[in-house]
Amino acid sequence: MLPTTKEDVDFEVQAALAWHDDDVNATIATLLEDIRHLRCQLALAEAATSRGMTRGWKPAFERK
């Protein structure tokens, strides 16, 4: 589920910082690792999914 309001985003930012004891560098490093992992998962899903199964949908690595 994507955040829909500024308050939702602010809450998620504060939660991520709290998880890392307010260490901004650790929080950013974890988020970058998550991005790397999810891009690999997306590449695997793209390779394993047929065009017919997704009715023409194709995953994209960049936001639109």
C-alpha atoms as a PDB file:
ATOM      1  CA  MET A   1       0.000   0.000   0.000  1.00  0.00           C
ATOM      2  CA  LEU A   2       1.391   3.396  -0.973  1.00  0.00           C
ATOM      3  CA  PRO A   3       1.212   6.341   1.408  1.00  0.00           C
ATOM      4  CA  THR A   4      -1.488   8.756   0.363  1.00  0.00           C
ATOM      5  CA  THR A   5      -0.961  11.750   2.617  1.00  0.00           C
ATOM      6  CA  LYS A   6       1.980  13.779   3.899  1.00  0.00           C
ATOM      7  CA  GLU A   7       1.188  12.509   7.401  1.00  0.00           C
ATOM      8  CA  ASP A   8       1.472   8.901   6.191  1.00  0.00           C
ATOM      9  CA  VAL A   9       4.858   9.599   4.621  1.00  0.00           C
ATOM     10  CA  ASP A  10       6.065  11.470   7.708  1.00  0.00           C
ATOM     11  CA  PHE A  11       5.000   8.549   9.909  1.00  0.00           C
ATOM     12  CA  GLU A  12       6.867   6.065   7.712  1.00  0.00           C
ATOM     13  CA  VAL A  13      10.004   8.224   7.760  1.00  0.00           C
ATOM     14  CA  GLN A  14       9.874   8.492  11.546  1.00  0.00           C
ATOM     15  CA  ALA A  15       9.278   4.743  11.872  1.00  0.00           C
ATOM     16  CA  ALA A  16      12.283   3.948   9.645  1.00  0.00           C
ATOM     17  CA  LEU A  17      14.489   6.330  11.639  1.00  0.00           C
ATOM     18  CA  ALA A  18      13.267   4.899  14.950  1.00  0.00           C
ATOM     19  CA  TRP A  19      14.086   1.363  13.737  1.00  0.00           C
ATOM     20  CA  HIS A  20      17.688   2.528  13.258  1.00  0.00           C
ATOM     21  CA  ASP A  21      17.848   4.522  16.528  1.00  0.00           C
ATOM     22  CA  ASP A  22      17.659   7.806  14.574  1.00  0.00           C
ATOM     23  CA  ASP A  23      20.817   6.981  12.590  1.00  0.00           C
ATOM     24  CA  VAL A  24      20.138   8.645   9.230  1.00  0.00           C
ATOM     25  CA  ASN A  25      23.053   6.939   7.458  1.00  0.00           C
ATOM     26  CA  ALA A  26      21.959   3.477   8.605  1.00  0.00           C
ATOM     27  CA  THR A  27      18.381   4.209   7.525  1.00  0.00           C
ATOM     28  CA  ILE A  28      19.459   5.323   4.049  1.00  0.00           C
ATOM     29  CA  ALA A  29      21.838   2.353   3.698  1.00  0.00           C
ATOM     30  CA  THR A  30      19.028  -0.069   4.552  1.00  0.00           C
ATOM     31  CA  LEU A  31      16.656   1.582   2.081  1.00  0.00           C
ATOM     32  CA  LEU A  32      19.281   1.402  -0.680  1.00  0.00           C
ATOM     33  CA  GLU A  33      19.846  -2.296   0.082  1.00  0.00           C
ATOM     34  CA  ASP A  34      16.071  -2.833  -0.093  1.00  0.00           C
ATOM     35  CA  ILE A  35      15.933  -1.094  -3.485  1.00  0.00           C
ATOM     36  CA  ARG A  36      18.753  -3.288  -4.795  1.00  0.00           C
ATOM     37  CA  HIS A  37      17.011  -6.434  -3.548  1.00  0.00           C
ATOM     38  CA  LEU A  38      13.636  -5.445  -4.999  1.00  0.00           C
ATOM     39  CA  ARG A  39      15.195  -4.622  -8.397  1.00  0.00           C
ATOM     40  CA  CYS A  40      16.699  -8.124  -8.477  1.00  0.00           C
ATOM     41  CA  GLN A  41      13.330  -9.616  -7.561  1.00  0.00           C
ATOM     42  CA  LEU A  42      11.662  -7.560 -10.305  1.00  0.00           C
ATOM     43  CA  ALA A  43      14.202  -8.774 -12.857  1.00  0.00           C
ATOM     44  CA  LEU A  44      13.527 -12.391 -11.850  1.00  0.00           C
ATOM     45  CA  ALA A  45       9.761 -11.858 -12.044  1.00  0.00           C
ATOM     46  CA  GLU A  46      10.107 -10.250 -15.470  1.00  0.00           C
ATOM     47  CA  ALA A  47      12.130 -13.198 -16.758  1.00  0.00           C
ATOM     48  CA  ALA A  48       9.732 -15.792 -15.334  1.00  0.00           C
ATOM     49  CA  THR A  49       6.418 -14.185 -16.340  1.00  0.00           C
ATOM     50  CA  SER A  50       4.972 -14.625 -19.808  1.00  0.00           C
ATOM     51  CA  ARG A  51       3.346 -11.731 -21.657  1.00  0.00           C
ATOM     52  CA  GLY A  52       0.093 -13.689 -21.944  1.00  0.00           C
ATOM     53  CA  MET A  53      -0.117 -14.197 -18.204  1.00  0.00           C
ATOM     54  CA  THR A  54       0.046 -10.459 -17.528  1.00  0.00           C
ATOM     55  CA  ARG A  55      -2.078  -9.416 -20.525  1.00  0.00           C
ATOM     56  CA  GLY A  56       0.560  -7.099 -21.913  1.00  0.00           C
ATOM     57  CA  TRP A  57       1.721  -5.553 -18.629  1.00  0.00           C
ATOM     58  CA  LYS A  58       5.478  -5.260 -18.341  1.00  0.00           C
ATOM     59  CA  PRO A  59       7.315  -4.391 -15.111  1.00  0.00           C
ATOM     60  CA  ALA A  60       9.364  -1.199 -15.120  1.00  0.00           C
ATOM     61  CA  PHE A  61      12.448  -0.435 -13.071  1.00  0.00           C
ATOM     62  CA  GLU A  62      11.794   3.301 -12.959  1.00  0.00           C
ATOM     63  CA  ARG A  63       8.759   5.116 -11.576  1.00  0.00           C
ATOM     64  CA  LYS A  64       6.485   6.784 -14.090  1.00  0.00           C
END
